[in-house]
Amino acid sequence: VTQDILETGNASLMLQELYKVDIEHTLV
């Protein structure tokens, strides 16, 4: 993701809608 999404008014695209993470792992 680049800052272009901010300049075009698409800040809602900075993150995906959903992340699934096993509790024995790392969220990055």
mmCIF file of all heavy atoms, coordinates in Angstrom:
data_MODEL
# 
_entry.id   MODEL 
# 
loop_
_atom_site.group_PDB 
_atom_site.id 
_atom_site.type_symbol 
_atom_site.label_atom_id 
_atom_site.label_alt_id 
_atom_site.label_comp_id 
_atom_site.label_asym_id 
_atom_site.label_entity_id 
_atom_site.label_seq_id 
_atom_site.pdbx_PDB_ins_code 
_atom_site.Cartn_x 
_atom_site.Cartn_y 
_atom_site.Cartn_z 
_atom_site.occupancy 
_atom_site.B_iso_or_equiv 
_atom_site.pdbx_formal_charge 
_atom_site.auth_seq_id 
_atom_site.auth_comp_id 
_atom_site.auth_asym_id 
_atom_site.auth_atom_id 
_atom_site.pdbx_PDB_model_num 
ATOM 1   N N   . VAL A 1 1  ? 0.863   -1.180  0.000  1.00 0.00 ? 1  VAL A N   1 
ATOM 2   C CA  . VAL A 1 1  ? 0.000   0.000   0.000  1.00 0.00 ? 1  VAL A CA  1 
ATOM 3   C C   . VAL A 1 1  ? 0.897   1.227   0.000  1.00 0.00 ? 1  VAL A C   1 
ATOM 4   O O   . VAL A 1 1  ? 1.832   1.329   0.788  1.00 0.00 ? 1  VAL A O   1 
ATOM 5   C CB  . VAL A 1 1  ? -0.914  0.001   1.252  1.00 0.00 ? 1  VAL A CB  1 
ATOM 6   C CG1 . VAL A 1 1  ? -1.744  1.267   1.299  1.00 0.00 ? 1  VAL A CG1 1 
ATOM 7   C CG2 . VAL A 1 1  ? -1.799  -1.223  1.251  1.00 0.00 ? 1  VAL A CG2 1 
ATOM 8   N N   . THR A 1 2  ? 0.614   2.172   -0.888 1.00 0.00 ? 2  THR A N   1 
ATOM 9   C CA  . THR A 1 2  ? 1.402   3.405   -0.957 1.00 0.00 ? 2  THR A CA  1 
ATOM 10  C C   . THR A 1 2  ? 0.547   4.580   -0.520 1.00 0.00 ? 2  THR A C   1 
ATOM 11  O O   . THR A 1 2  ? -0.675  4.460   -0.381 1.00 0.00 ? 2  THR A O   1 
ATOM 12  C CB  . THR A 1 2  ? 1.904   3.646   -2.401 1.00 0.00 ? 2  THR A CB  1 
ATOM 13  O OG1 . THR A 1 2  ? 0.767   3.882   -3.234 1.00 0.00 ? 2  THR A OG1 1 
ATOM 14  C CG2 . THR A 1 2  ? 2.692   2.454   -2.920 1.00 0.00 ? 2  THR A CG2 1 
ATOM 15  N N   . GLN A 1 3  ? 1.193   5.728   -0.343 1.00 0.00 ? 3  GLN A N   1 
ATOM 16  C CA  . GLN A 1 3  ? 0.452   6.911   0.080  1.00 0.00 ? 3  GLN A CA  1 
ATOM 17  C C   . GLN A 1 3  ? -0.459  7.439   -1.021 1.00 0.00 ? 3  GLN A C   1 
ATOM 18  O O   . GLN A 1 3  ? -1.288  8.310   -0.775 1.00 0.00 ? 3  GLN A O   1 
ATOM 19  C CB  . GLN A 1 3  ? 1.392   8.009   0.599  1.00 0.00 ? 3  GLN A CB  1 
ATOM 20  C CG  . GLN A 1 3  ? 2.315   8.580   -0.430 1.00 0.00 ? 3  GLN A CG  1 
ATOM 21  C CD  . GLN A 1 3  ? 3.645   7.874   -0.462 1.00 0.00 ? 3  GLN A CD  1 
ATOM 22  O OE1 . GLN A 1 3  ? 3.756   6.723   -0.099 1.00 0.00 ? 3  GLN A OE1 1 
ATOM 23  N NE2 . GLN A 1 3  ? 4.662   8.573   -0.916 1.00 0.00 ? 3  GLN A NE2 1 
ATOM 24  N N   . ASP A 1 4  ? -0.360  6.879   -2.235 1.00 0.00 ? 4  ASP A N   1 
ATOM 25  C CA  . ASP A 1 4  ? -1.269  7.279   -3.319 1.00 0.00 ? 4  ASP A CA  1 
ATOM 26  C C   . ASP A 1 4  ? -2.725  7.079   -2.916 1.00 0.00 ? 4  ASP A C   1 
ATOM 27  O O   . ASP A 1 4  ? -3.596  7.836   -3.343 1.00 0.00 ? 4  ASP A O   1 
ATOM 28  C CB  . ASP A 1 4  ? -0.982  6.473   -4.593 1.00 0.00 ? 4  ASP A CB  1 
ATOM 29  C CG  . ASP A 1 4  ? 0.391   6.774   -5.176 1.00 0.00 ? 4  ASP A CG  1 
ATOM 30  O OD1 . ASP A 1 4  ? 1.012   7.767   -4.746 1.00 0.00 ? 4  ASP A OD1 1 
ATOM 31  O OD2 . ASP A 1 4  ? 0.836   6.006   -6.042 1.00 0.00 ? 4  ASP A OD2 1 
ATOM 32  N N   . ILE A 1 5  ? -2.992  6.044   -2.124 1.00 0.00 ? 5  ILE A N   1 
ATOM 33  C CA  . ILE A 1 5  ? -4.377  5.804   -1.724 1.00 0.00 ? 5  ILE A CA  1 
ATOM 34  C C   . ILE A 1 5  ? -4.902  6.928   -0.835 1.00 0.00 ? 5  ILE A C   1 
ATOM 35  O O   . ILE A 1 5  ? -6.092  7.204   -0.832 1.00 0.00 ? 5  ILE A O   1 
ATOM 36  C CB  . ILE A 1 5  ? -4.571  4.434   -1.036 1.00 0.00 ? 5  ILE A CB  1 
ATOM 37  C CG1 . ILE A 1 5  ? -3.823  4.357   0.264  1.00 0.00 ? 5  ILE A CG1 1 
ATOM 38  C CG2 . ILE A 1 5  ? -4.201  3.306   -1.960 1.00 0.00 ? 5  ILE A CG2 1 
ATOM 39  C CD1 . ILE A 1 5  ? -4.188  3.154   1.089  1.00 0.00 ? 5  ILE A CD1 1 
ATOM 40  N N   . LEU A 1 6  ? -4.002  7.587   -0.112 1.00 0.00 ? 6  LEU A N   1 
ATOM 41  C CA  . LEU A 1 6  ? -4.421  8.714   0.718  1.00 0.00 ? 6  LEU A CA  1 
ATOM 42  C C   . LEU A 1 6  ? -4.720  9.926   -0.151 1.00 0.00 ? 6  LEU A C   1 
ATOM 43  O O   . LEU A 1 6  ? -5.694  10.646  0.081  1.00 0.00 ? 6  LEU A O   1 
ATOM 44  C CB  . LEU A 1 6  ? -3.350  9.032   1.753  1.00 0.00 ? 6  LEU A CB  1 
ATOM 45  C CG  . LEU A 1 6  ? -2.997  7.892   2.715  1.00 0.00 ? 6  LEU A CG  1 
ATOM 46  C CD1 . LEU A 1 6  ? -1.834  8.290   3.607  1.00 0.00 ? 6  LEU A CD1 1 
ATOM 47  C CD2 . LEU A 1 6  ? -4.197  7.486   3.539  1.00 0.00 ? 6  LEU A CD2 1 
ATOM 48  N N   . GLU A 1 7  ? -3.892  10.162  -1.151 1.00 0.00 ? 7  GLU A N   1 
ATOM 49  C CA  . GLU A 1 7  ? -4.077  11.313  -2.032 1.00 0.00 ? 7  GLU A CA  1 
ATOM 50  C C   . GLU A 1 7  ? -5.336  11.182  -2.876 1.00 0.00 ? 7  GLU A C   1 
ATOM 51  O O   . GLU A 1 7  ? -5.927  12.182  -3.270 1.00 0.00 ? 7  GLU A O   1 
ATOM 52  C CB  . GLU A 1 7  ? -2.844  11.489  -2.919 1.00 0.00 ? 7  GLU A CB  1 
ATOM 53  C CG  . GLU A 1 7  ? -1.622  11.905  -2.115 1.00 0.00 ? 7  GLU A CG  1 
ATOM 54  C CD  . GLU A 1 7  ? -0.334  11.912  -2.927 1.00 0.00 ? 7  GLU A CD  1 
ATOM 55  O OE1 . GLU A 1 7  ? -0.342  11.465  -4.085 1.00 0.00 ? 7  GLU A OE1 1 
ATOM 56  O OE2 . GLU A 1 7  ? 0.680   12.362  -2.373 1.00 0.00 ? 7  GLU A OE2 1 
ATOM 57  N N   . THR A 1 8  ? -5.752  9.954   -3.164 1.00 0.00 ? 8  THR A N   1 
ATOM 58  C CA  . THR A 1 8  ? -6.954  9.741   -3.978 1.00 0.00 ? 8  THR A CA  1 
ATOM 59  C C   . THR A 1 8  ? -8.206  9.551   -3.119 1.00 0.00 ? 8  THR A C   1 
ATOM 60  O O   . THR A 1 8  ? -9.271  9.239   -3.643 1.00 0.00 ? 8  THR A O   1 
ATOM 61  C CB  . THR A 1 8  ? -6.781  8.514   -4.895 1.00 0.00 ? 8  THR A CB  1 
ATOM 62  O OG1 . THR A 1 8  ? -6.513  7.363   -4.094 1.00 0.00 ? 8  THR A OG1 1 
ATOM 63  C CG2 . THR A 1 8  ? -5.676  8.738   -5.905 1.00 0.00 ? 8  THR A CG2 1 
ATOM 64  N N   . GLY A 1 9  ? -8.081  9.719   -1.801 1.00 0.00 ? 9  GLY A N   1 
ATOM 65  C CA  . GLY A 1 9  ? -9.236  9.621   -0.915 1.00 0.00 ? 9  GLY A CA  1 
ATOM 66  C C   . GLY A 1 9  ? -9.666  8.203   -0.603 1.00 0.00 ? 9  GLY A C   1 
ATOM 67  O O   . GLY A 1 9  ? -10.819 7.974   -0.239 1.00 0.00 ? 9  GLY A O   1 
ATOM 68  N N   . ASN A 1 10 ? -8.765  7.257   -0.750 1.00 0.00 ? 10 ASN A N   1 
ATOM 69  C CA  . ASN A 1 10 ? -9.091  5.848   -0.498 1.00 0.00 ? 10 ASN A CA  1 
ATOM 70  C C   . ASN A 1 10 ? -8.418  5.313   0.767  1.00 0.00 ? 10 ASN A C   1 
ATOM 71  O O   . ASN A 1 10 ? -7.893  4.201   0.778  1.00 0.00 ? 10 ASN A O   1 
ATOM 72  C CB  . ASN A 1 10 ? -8.683  4.988   -1.695 1.00 0.00 ? 10 ASN A CB  1 
ATOM 73  C CG  . ASN A 1 10 ? -9.503  5.286   -2.918 1.00 0.00 ? 10 ASN A CG  1 
ATOM 74  O OD1 . ASN A 1 10 ? -10.713 5.474   -2.821 1.00 0.00 ? 10 ASN A OD1 1 
ATOM 75  N ND2 . ASN A 1 10 ? -8.865  5.353   -4.071 1.00 0.00 ? 10 ASN A ND2 1 
ATOM 76  N N   . ALA A 1 11 ? -8.471  6.078   1.826  1.00 0.00 ? 11 ALA A N   1 
ATOM 77  C CA  . ALA A 1 11 ? -7.826  5.659   3.078  1.00 0.00 ? 11 ALA A CA  1 
ATOM 78  C C   . ALA A 1 11 ? -8.408  4.362   3.616  1.00 0.00 ? 11 ALA A C   1 
ATOM 79  O O   . ALA A 1 11 ? -7.743  3.629   4.344  1.00 0.00 ? 11 ALA A O   1 
ATOM 80  C CB  . ALA A 1 11 ? -7.953  6.756   4.125  1.00 0.00 ? 11 ALA A CB  1 
ATOM 81  N N   . SER A 1 12 ? -9.628  4.055   3.219  1.00 0.00 ? 12 SER A N   1 
ATOM 82  C CA  . SER A 1 12 ? -10.258 2.814   3.695  1.00 0.00 ? 12 SER A CA  1 
ATOM 83  C C   . SER A 1 12 ? -9.606  1.580   3.085  1.00 0.00 ? 12 SER A C   1 
ATOM 84  O O   . SER A 1 12 ? -9.949  0.459   3.444  1.00 0.00 ? 12 SER A O   1 
ATOM 85  C CB  . SER A 1 12 ? -11.748 2.821   3.368  1.00 0.00 ? 12 SER A CB  1 
ATOM 86  O OG  . SER A 1 12 ? -11.935 2.855   1.962  1.00 0.00 ? 12 SER A OG  1 
ATOM 87  N N   . LEU A 1 13 ? -8.643  1.770   2.193  1.00 0.00 ? 13 LEU A N   1 
ATOM 88  C CA  . LEU A 1 13 ? -7.926  0.645   1.587  1.00 0.00 ? 13 LEU A CA  1 
ATOM 89  C C   . LEU A 1 13 ? -6.565  0.393   2.235  1.00 0.00 ? 13 LEU A C   1 
ATOM 90  O O   . LEU A 1 13 ? -5.802  -0.444  1.757  1.00 0.00 ? 13 LEU A O   1 
ATOM 91  C CB  . LEU A 1 13 ? -7.746  0.891   0.082  1.00 0.00 ? 13 LEU A CB  1 
ATOM 92  C CG  . LEU A 1 13 ? -9.031  1.041   -0.727 1.00 0.00 ? 13 LEU A CG  1 
ATOM 93  C CD1 . LEU A 1 13 ? -8.711  1.369   -2.172 1.00 0.00 ? 13 LEU A CD1 1 
ATOM 94  C CD2 . LEU A 1 13 ? -9.874  -0.220  -0.632 1.00 0.00 ? 13 LEU A CD2 1 
ATOM 95  N N   . MET A 1 14 ? -6.252  1.123   3.313  1.00 0.00 ? 14 MET A N   1 
ATOM 96  C CA  . MET A 1 14 ? -4.957  0.909   3.968  1.00 0.00 ? 14 MET A CA  1 
ATOM 97  C C   . MET A 1 14 ? -4.863  -0.496  4.542  1.00 0.00 ? 14 MET A C   1 
ATOM 98  O O   . MET A 1 14 ? -3.798  -1.110  4.544  1.00 0.00 ? 14 MET A O   1 
ATOM 99  C CB  . MET A 1 14 ? -4.723  1.940   5.080  1.00 0.00 ? 14 MET A CB  1 
ATOM 100 C CG  . MET A 1 14 ? -4.456  3.332   4.574  1.00 0.00 ? 14 MET A CG  1 
ATOM 101 S SD  . MET A 1 14 ? -3.897  4.461   5.883  1.00 0.00 ? 14 MET A SD  1 
ATOM 102 C CE  . MET A 1 14 ? -5.347  4.592   6.915  1.00 0.00 ? 14 MET A CE  1 
ATOM 103 N N   . LEU A 1 15 ? -5.973  -1.000  5.055  1.00 0.00 ? 15 LEU A N   1 
ATOM 104 C CA  . LEU A 1 15 ? -6.010  -2.337  5.645  1.00 0.00 ? 15 LEU A CA  1 
ATOM 105 C C   . LEU A 1 15 ? -7.013  -3.194  4.886  1.00 0.00 ? 15 LEU A C   1 
ATOM 106 O O   . LEU A 1 15 ? -7.961  -2.683  4.299  1.00 0.00 ? 15 LEU A O   1 
ATOM 107 C CB  . LEU A 1 15 ? -6.442  -2.259  7.119  1.00 0.00 ? 15 LEU A CB  1 
ATOM 108 C CG  . LEU A 1 15 ? -5.566  -1.450  8.066  1.00 0.00 ? 15 LEU A CG  1 
ATOM 109 C CD1 . LEU A 1 15 ? -6.219  -1.369  9.441  1.00 0.00 ? 15 LEU A CD1 1 
ATOM 110 C CD2 . LEU A 1 15 ? -4.179  -2.045  8.161  1.00 0.00 ? 15 LEU A CD2 1 
ATOM 111 N N   . GLN A 1 16 ? -6.808  -4.511  4.950  1.00 0.00 ? 16 GLN A N   1 
ATOM 112 C CA  . GLN A 1 16 ? -7.815  -5.412  4.416  1.00 0.00 ? 16 GLN A CA  1 
ATOM 113 C C   . GLN A 1 16 ? -8.994  -5.413  5.382  1.00 0.00 ? 16 GLN A C   1 
ATOM 114 O O   . GLN A 1 16 ? -8.896  -4.933  6.511  1.00 0.00 ? 16 GLN A O   1 
ATOM 115 C CB  . GLN A 1 16 ? -7.259  -6.822  4.309  1.00 0.00 ? 16 GLN A CB  1 
ATOM 116 C CG  . GLN A 1 16 ? -6.172  -6.969  3.283  1.00 0.00 ? 16 GLN A CG  1 
ATOM 117 C CD  . GLN A 1 16 ? -5.711  -8.413  3.186  1.00 0.00 ? 16 GLN A CD  1 
ATOM 118 O OE1 . GLN A 1 16 ? -6.397  -9.342  3.592  1.00 0.00 ? 16 GLN A OE1 1 
ATOM 119 N NE2 . GLN A 1 16 ? -4.531  -8.595  2.646  1.00 0.00 ? 16 GLN A NE2 1 
ATOM 120 N N   . GLU A 1 17 ? -10.103 -5.992  4.970  1.00 0.00 ? 17 GLU A N   1 
ATOM 121 C CA  . GLU A 1 17 ? -11.273 -6.028  5.847  1.00 0.00 ? 17 GLU A CA  1 
ATOM 122 C C   . GLU A 1 17 ? -11.094 -6.988  7.010  1.00 0.00 ? 17 GLU A C   1 
ATOM 123 O O   . GLU A 1 17 ? -11.628 -6.767  8.086  1.00 0.00 ? 17 GLU A O   1 
ATOM 124 C CB  . GLU A 1 17 ? -12.517 -6.426  5.049  1.00 0.00 ? 17 GLU A CB  1 
ATOM 125 C CG  . GLU A 1 17 ? -12.966 -5.365  4.078  1.00 0.00 ? 17 GLU A CG  1 
ATOM 126 C CD  . GLU A 1 17 ? -14.218 -5.775  3.332  1.00 0.00 ? 17 GLU A CD  1 
ATOM 127 O OE1 . GLU A 1 17 ? -14.995 -6.598  3.855  1.00 0.00 ? 17 GLU A OE1 1 
ATOM 128 O OE2 . GLU A 1 17 ? -14.417 -5.259  2.228  1.00 0.00 ? 17 GLU A OE2 1 
ATOM 129 N N   . LEU A 1 18 ? -10.337 -8.076  6.798  1.00 0.00 ? 18 LEU A N   1 
ATOM 130 C CA  . LEU A 1 18 ? -10.241 -9.141  7.788  1.00 0.00 ? 18 LEU A CA  1 
ATOM 131 C C   . LEU A 1 18 ? -8.854  -9.752  7.807  1.00 0.00 ? 18 LEU A C   1 
ATOM 132 O O   . LEU A 1 18 ? -8.259  -9.991  6.756  1.00 0.00 ? 18 LEU A O   1 
ATOM 133 C CB  . LEU A 1 18 ? -11.272 -10.239 7.439  1.00 0.00 ? 18 LEU A CB  1 
ATOM 134 C CG  . LEU A 1 18 ? -11.301 -11.472 8.319  1.00 0.00 ? 18 LEU A CG  1 
ATOM 135 C CD1 . LEU A 1 18 ? -11.905 -11.147 9.677  1.00 0.00 ? 18 LEU A CD1 1 
ATOM 136 C CD2 . LEU A 1 18 ? -12.106 -12.574 7.636  1.00 0.00 ? 18 LEU A CD2 1 
ATOM 137 N N   . TYR A 1 19 ? -8.359  -9.999  9.013  1.00 0.00 ? 19 TYR A N   1 
ATOM 138 C CA  . TYR A 1 19 ? -7.102  -10.720 9.206  1.00 0.00 ? 19 TYR A CA  1 
ATOM 139 C C   . TYR A 1 19 ? -7.361  -11.864 10.175 1.00 0.00 ? 19 TYR A C   1 
ATOM 140 O O   . TYR A 1 19 ? -7.989  -11.655 11.213 1.00 0.00 ? 19 TYR A O   1 
ATOM 141 C CB  . TYR A 1 19 ? -6.019  -9.807  9.795  1.00 0.00 ? 19 TYR A CB  1 
ATOM 142 C CG  . TYR A 1 19 ? -5.639  -8.663  8.890  1.00 0.00 ? 19 TYR A CG  1 
ATOM 143 C CD1 . TYR A 1 19 ? -6.225  -7.411  9.035  1.00 0.00 ? 19 TYR A CD1 1 
ATOM 144 C CD2 . TYR A 1 19 ? -4.708  -8.838  7.874  1.00 0.00 ? 19 TYR A CD2 1 
ATOM 145 C CE1 . TYR A 1 19 ? -5.883  -6.359  8.206  1.00 0.00 ? 19 TYR A CE1 1 
ATOM 146 C CE2 . TYR A 1 19 ? -4.358  -7.791  7.040  1.00 0.00 ? 19 TYR A CE2 1 
ATOM 147 C CZ  . TYR A 1 19 ? -4.947  -6.555  7.209  1.00 0.00 ? 19 TYR A CZ  1 
ATOM 148 O OH  . TYR A 1 19 ? -4.610  -5.515  6.375  1.00 0.00 ? 19 TYR A OH  1 
ATOM 149 N N   . LYS A 1 20 ? -6.874  -13.056 9.842  1.00 0.00 ? 20 LYS A N   1 
ATOM 150 C CA  . LYS A 1 20 ? -6.995  -14.225 10.725 1.00 0.00 ? 20 LYS A CA  1 
ATOM 151 C C   . LYS A 1 20 ? -5.596  -14.630 11.145 1.00 0.00 ? 20 LYS A C   1 
ATOM 152 O O   . LYS A 1 20 ? -4.741  -14.862 10.298 1.00 0.00 ? 20 LYS A O   1 
ATOM 153 C CB  . LYS A 1 20 ? -7.658  -15.392 9.998  1.00 0.00 ? 20 LYS A CB  1 
ATOM 154 C CG  . LYS A 1 20 ? -9.075  -15.134 9.575  1.00 0.00 ? 20 LYS A CG  1 
ATOM 155 C CD  . LYS A 1 20 ? -9.622  -16.336 8.830  1.00 0.00 ? 20 LYS A CD  1 
ATOM 156 C CE  . LYS A 1 20 ? -11.006 -16.058 8.290  1.00 0.00 ? 20 LYS A CE  1 
ATOM 157 N NZ  . LYS A 1 20 ? -11.512 -17.191 7.495  1.00 0.00 ? 20 LYS A NZ  1 
ATOM 158 N N   . VAL A 1 21 ? -5.389  -14.730 12.464 1.00 0.00 ? 21 VAL A N   1 
ATOM 159 C CA  . VAL A 1 21 ? -4.058  -15.036 12.976 1.00 0.00 ? 21 VAL A CA  1 
ATOM 160 C C   . VAL A 1 21 ? -4.160  -16.077 14.086 1.00 0.00 ? 21 VAL A C   1 
ATOM 161 O O   . VAL A 1 21 ? -4.947  -15.918 15.024 1.00 0.00 ? 21 VAL A O   1 
ATOM 162 C CB  . VAL A 1 21 ? -3.357  -13.765 13.520 1.00 0.00 ? 21 VAL A CB  1 
ATOM 163 C CG1 . VAL A 1 21 ? -1.973  -14.088 14.043 1.00 0.00 ? 21 VAL A CG1 1 
ATOM 164 C CG2 . VAL A 1 21 ? -3.287  -12.693 12.443 1.00 0.00 ? 21 VAL A CG2 1 
ATOM 165 N N   . ASP A 1 22 ? -3.372  -17.123 13.976 1.00 0.00 ? 22 ASP A N   1 
ATOM 166 C CA  . ASP A 1 22 ? -3.234  -18.126 15.034 1.00 0.00 ? 22 ASP A CA  1 
ATOM 167 C C   . ASP A 1 22 ? -2.543  -17.453 16.223 1.00 0.00 ? 22 ASP A C   1 
ATOM 168 O O   . ASP A 1 22 ? -1.574  -16.702 16.031 1.00 0.00 ? 22 ASP A O   1 
ATOM 169 C CB  . ASP A 1 22 ? -2.391  -19.292 14.509 1.00 0.00 ? 22 ASP A CB  1 
ATOM 170 C CG  . ASP A 1 22 ? -2.255  -20.438 15.484 1.00 0.00 ? 22 ASP A CG  1 
ATOM 171 O OD1 . ASP A 1 22 ? -1.992  -20.191 16.682 1.00 0.00 ? 22 ASP A OD1 1 
ATOM 172 O OD2 . ASP A 1 22 ? -2.377  -21.585 15.050 1.00 0.00 ? 22 ASP A OD2 1 
ATOM 173 N N   . ILE A 1 23 ? -2.996  -17.720 17.427 1.00 0.00 ? 23 ILE A N   1 
ATOM 174 C CA  . ILE A 1 23 ? -2.439  -17.032 18.606 1.00 0.00 ? 23 ILE A CA  1 
ATOM 175 C C   . ILE A 1 23 ? -1.004  -17.434 18.921 1.00 0.00 ? 23 ILE A C   1 
ATOM 176 O O   . ILE A 1 23 ? -0.375  -16.826 19.786 1.00 0.00 ? 23 ILE A O   1 
ATOM 177 C CB  . ILE A 1 23 ? -3.317  -17.226 19.857 1.00 0.00 ? 23 ILE A CB  1 
ATOM 178 C CG1 . ILE A 1 23 ? -3.445  -18.704 20.213 1.00 0.00 ? 23 ILE A CG1 1 
ATOM 179 C CG2 . ILE A 1 23 ? -4.655  -16.552 19.678 1.00 0.00 ? 23 ILE A CG2 1 
ATOM 180 C CD1 . ILE A 1 23 ? -4.071  -18.951 21.571 1.00 0.00 ? 23 ILE A CD1 1 
ATOM 181 N N   . GLU A 1 24 ? -0.473  -18.424 18.231 1.00 0.00 ? 24 GLU A N   1 
ATOM 182 C CA  . GLU A 1 24 ? 0.929   -18.803 18.429 1.00 0.00 ? 24 GLU A CA  1 
ATOM 183 C C   . GLU A 1 24 ? 1.846   -18.113 17.426 1.00 0.00 ? 24 GLU A C   1 
ATOM 184 O O   . GLU A 1 24 ? 3.034   -18.398 17.372 1.00 0.00 ? 24 GLU A O   1 
ATOM 185 C CB  . GLU A 1 24 ? 1.087   -20.323 18.321 1.00 0.00 ? 24 GLU A CB  1 
ATOM 186 C CG  . GLU A 1 24 ? 0.276   -21.098 19.337 1.00 0.00 ? 24 GLU A CG  1 
ATOM 187 C CD  . GLU A 1 24 ? 0.584   -20.727 20.789 1.00 0.00 ? 24 GLU A CD  1 
ATOM 188 O OE1 . GLU A 1 24 ? 1.743   -20.384 21.101 1.00 0.00 ? 24 GLU A OE1 1 
ATOM 189 O OE2 . GLU A 1 24 ? -0.350  -20.766 21.615 1.00 0.00 ? 24 GLU A OE2 1 
ATOM 190 N N   . HIS A 1 25 ? 1.302   -17.208 16.618 1.00 0.00 ? 25 HIS A N   1 
ATOM 191 C CA  . HIS A 1 25 ? 2.065   -16.545 15.572 1.00 0.00 ? 25 HIS A CA  1 
ATOM 192 C C   . HIS A 1 25 ? 2.187   -15.051 15.819 1.00 0.00 ? 25 HIS A C   1 
ATOM 193 O O   . HIS A 1 25 ? 1.753   -14.546 16.849 1.00 0.00 ? 25 HIS A O   1 
ATOM 194 C CB  . HIS A 1 25 ? 1.427   -16.815 14.212 1.00 0.00 ? 25 HIS A CB  1 
ATOM 195 C CG  . HIS A 1 25 ? 1.486   -18.253 13.809 1.00 0.00 ? 25 HIS A CG  1 
ATOM 196 N ND1 . HIS A 1 25 ? 0.459   -18.889 13.186 1.00 0.00 ? 25 HIS A ND1 1 
ATOM 197 C CD2 . HIS A 1 25 ? 2.451   -19.188 13.966 1.00 0.00 ? 25 HIS A CD2 1 
ATOM 198 C CE1 . HIS A 1 25 ? 0.780   -20.148 12.960 1.00 0.00 ? 25 HIS A CE1 1 
ATOM 199 N NE2 . HIS A 1 25 ? 1.980   -20.357 13.435 1.00 0.00 ? 25 HIS A NE2 1 
ATOM 200 N N   . THR A 1 26 ? 2.748   -14.364 14.838 1.00 0.00 ? 26 THR A N   1 
ATOM 201 C CA  . THR A 1 26 ? 2.970   -12.921 14.914 1.00 0.00 ? 26 THR A CA  1 
ATOM 202 C C   . THR A 1 26 ? 2.070   -12.203 13.926 1.00 0.00 ? 26 THR A C   1 
ATOM 203 O O   . THR A 1 26 ? 1.928   -12.633 12.788 1.00 0.00 ? 26 THR A O   1 
ATOM 204 C CB  . THR A 1 26 ? 4.448   -12.594 14.581 1.00 0.00 ? 26 THR A CB  1 
ATOM 205 O OG1 . THR A 1 26 ? 5.292   -13.291 15.500 1.00 0.00 ? 26 THR A OG1 1 
ATOM 206 C CG2 . THR A 1 26 ? 4.729   -11.112 14.671 1.00 0.00 ? 26 THR A CG2 1 
ATOM 207 N N   . LEU A 1 27 ? 1.469   -11.121 14.366 1.00 0.00 ? 27 LEU A N   1 
ATOM 208 C CA  . LEU A 1 27 ? 0.695   -10.253 13.488 1.00 0.00 ? 27 LEU A CA  1 
ATOM 209 C C   . LEU A 1 27 ? 1.628   -9.157  12.994 1.00 0.00 ? 27 LEU A C   1 
ATOM 210 O O   . LEU A 1 27 ? 2.224   -8.442  13.797 1.00 0.00 ? 27 LEU A O   1 
ATOM 211 C CB  . LEU A 1 27 ? -0.481  -9.633  14.248 1.00 0.00 ? 27 LEU A CB  1 
ATOM 212 C CG  . LEU A 1 27 ? -1.259  -8.539  13.514 1.00 0.00 ? 27 LEU A CG  1 
ATOM 213 C CD1 . LEU A 1 27 ? -1.963  -9.102  12.282 1.00 0.00 ? 27 LEU A CD1 1 
ATOM 214 C CD2 . LEU A 1 27 ? -2.261  -7.886  14.452 1.00 0.00 ? 27 LEU A CD2 1 
ATOM 215 N N   . VAL A 1 28 ? 1.777   -9.040  11.672 1.00 0.00 ? 28 VAL A N   1 
ATOM 216 C CA  . VAL A 1 28 ? 2.619   -7.998  11.084 1.00 0.00 ? 28 VAL A CA  1 
ATOM 217 C C   . VAL A 1 28 ? 1.810   -7.276  10.019 1.00 0.00 ? 28 VAL A C   1 
ATOM 218 O O   . VAL A 1 28 ? 1.363   -7.885  9.047  1.00 0.00 ? 28 VAL A O   1 
ATOM 219 C CB  . VAL A 1 28 ? 3.902   -8.587  10.442 1.00 0.00 ? 28 VAL A CB  1 
ATOM 220 C CG1 . VAL A 1 28 ? 4.744   -7.477  9.830  1.00 0.00 ? 28 VAL A CG1 1 
ATOM 221 C CG2 . VAL A 1 28 ? 4.709   -9.371  11.455 1.00 0.00 ? 28 VAL A CG2 1 
# 
